[in-house]
């Protein structure tokens, strides 16, 4: 996945589903991909790969990359 790719939402029970209330497939553009390190007192640090997506409804939402599928790669 890279910036500019056309993506769709594949997440199941995530806090934000761009398809809710819509019969069409949610489509968006990847704006930023980055790694985020979370640290907790009781466990080892956790690294997550995140993507900011501009959705068809105009909202920009951050998702884990495993929730997003590339449907058309940018050049």
Protein backbone atom coordinates (compact mmCIF):
# COMPACT_ATOMS: atom_id res chain seq x y z
CA UNK A 1 0.00 0.00 0.00
CA UNK A 2 1.25 3.49 -0.83
CA UNK A 3 0.01 7.07 -0.83
CA UNK A 4 -2.50 7.65 -3.61
CA UNK A 5 -3.79 4.08 -3.81
CA UNK A 6 -7.54 3.62 -4.18
CA UNK A 7 -8.71 1.52 -1.23
CA UNK A 8 -11.78 -0.08 0.28
CA UNK A 9 -12.68 -0.98 3.86
CA UNK A 10 -12.36 -4.64 4.85
CA UNK A 11 -12.51 -4.31 8.66
CA UNK A 12 -15.17 -6.19 10.54
CA UNK A 13 -16.03 -4.65 13.88
CA UNK A 14 -13.87 -1.51 13.80
CA UNK A 15 -15.08 1.68 15.47
CA UNK A 16 -15.66 3.33 12.09
CA UNK A 17 -17.19 1.60 9.09
CA UNK A 18 -17.47 3.92 6.08
CA UNK A 19 -20.00 1.51 4.58
CA UNK A 20 -22.55 1.90 7.38
CA UNK A 21 -25.75 3.40 6.02
CA UNK A 22 -24.62 2.94 2.43
CA UNK A 23 -25.37 0.16 -0.04
CA UNK A 24 -22.34 0.89 -2.23
CA UNK A 25 -18.78 -0.26 -1.56
CA UNK A 26 -16.84 2.34 0.46
CA UNK A 27 -14.00 3.79 -1.60
CA UNK A 28 -11.21 6.07 -0.45
CA UNK A 29 -7.69 7.29 -1.18
CA UNK A 30 -4.67 6.53 1.03
CA UNK A 31 -3.25 9.86 2.23
CA UNK A 32 -0.53 8.76 4.66
CA UNK A 33 0.98 5.44 5.78
CA UNK A 34 3.05 5.29 8.95
CA UNK A 35 4.16 3.13 11.86
CA UNK A 36 2.90 3.89 15.35
CA UNK A 37 4.54 2.52 18.48
CA UNK A 38 2.31 1.97 21.50
CA UNK A 39 3.80 1.37 24.91
CA UNK A 40 2.03 -0.16 27.89
CA UNK A 41 3.40 -0.73 31.38
CA UNK A 42 2.54 -4.46 31.54
CA UNK A 43 3.49 -5.56 28.00
CA UNK A 44 6.23 -5.10 25.44
CA UNK A 45 5.89 -2.17 23.02
CA UNK A 46 3.53 -2.82 20.12
CA UNK A 47 4.13 -1.46 16.65
CA UNK A 48 1.12 -0.86 14.40
CA UNK A 49 1.06 0.14 10.73
CA UNK A 50 -1.63 2.76 10.16
CA UNK A 51 -3.11 4.48 7.12
CA UNK A 52 -5.04 7.73 6.89
CA UNK A 53 -7.82 7.42 4.30
CA UNK A 54 -9.91 10.13 2.66
CA UNK A 55 -13.28 8.40 2.21
CA UNK A 56 -15.91 9.05 -0.46
CA UNK A 57 -18.02 10.92 2.10
CA UNK A 58 -15.23 13.45 2.77
CA UNK A 59 -14.11 12.06 6.14
CA UNK A 60 -10.44 11.40 6.87
CA UNK A 61 -10.07 8.39 9.16
CA UNK A 62 -7.03 6.49 10.47
CA UNK A 63 -7.21 2.69 10.20
CA UNK A 64 -4.90 -0.25 10.78
CA UNK A 65 -3.59 -1.35 7.39
CA UNK A 66 -5.05 -4.86 7.85
CA UNK A 67 -8.55 -3.31 7.69
CA UNK A 68 -7.91 -1.78 4.27
CA UNK A 69 -7.62 -3.43 0.85
CA UNK A 70 -5.98 -1.80 -2.18
CA UNK A 71 -8.30 -1.99 -5.18
CA UNK A 72 -6.29 0.16 -7.59
CA UNK A 73 -2.62 1.11 -7.16
CA UNK A 74 -1.42 4.62 -7.91
CA UNK A 75 1.46 5.09 -10.32
